[in-house]
Amino acid sequence: MKRLILMAFMLISGFAFAQTDGYKVGDVVKDFSLKNVDNKMISLADYKDAKGYIIVFTCNTCPVAKAYQARISALNATYAAKGYPVVAINPNDAGVVPDESFQKMQALASEKKFNFPYLLDPDHVVTKQFGATRTPHVFVLNKTDNGNVVEYIGAIDNDPEETNSTKVEYVKNAVNELSIGKKPAIASTKAVGCSIKWKKG
């Protein structure tokens, strides 16, 4: 049943919205400051030793996002120490989905023992800058002398249900390639997940 629900969400939401304007591969990202579940403000500049970032737009309630929670924690466990920390952002409006509230984010982060910041974007400002449309939707950034450059946009892997025998781990591969000074061989994929719940009015 869980798998059927996950597939239904993927089918319904995967085609619900066209890509909006936002960062493209090669663009330099503007820094932001958003509140973390520990009530502290977080910005990219806080990570003085970072070589880049794994920015993940995710949420509390989407079945696809929930299916990736452990994999997002694993990405941070592997890559934060190598200079590429995960920074997760919840783009959903709690006025539309009450279970996306900041308090619910805090509860989820505590329950799942998130080892990465989980930030709220209450007015979708950062979400729109990035052009994120799904949860989860990933942007891998590389820190350069010119700023934080987008090097990969899309899905974490091609295996939402963890049943794909030809699984390709897009984010892992992209960060591994950046770590050795190469550009990601695959720089863009289609993010598959739930549509973002925008503030009404």
Foldseek 3Di string as FASTA:
>chain_A
DLVVLLVVQLVVALPPDDQDDADDFFDFDDWDWFAFLVRHIDIPVVLVQAQWEKEWAAFDDWSLLVLCQVVLQVCQVPCVVVRYHYAYEHAAECVQPVCRDSVNVNVVCVVVVRPHTYGYPHQCPSVVNHRDWFGTKIWIWGQDPVHTGTQAIAAQWPCSPVPDPPIDRQVVQQVVQVSVPHGRPHRYDHHGTHTGHHDDD
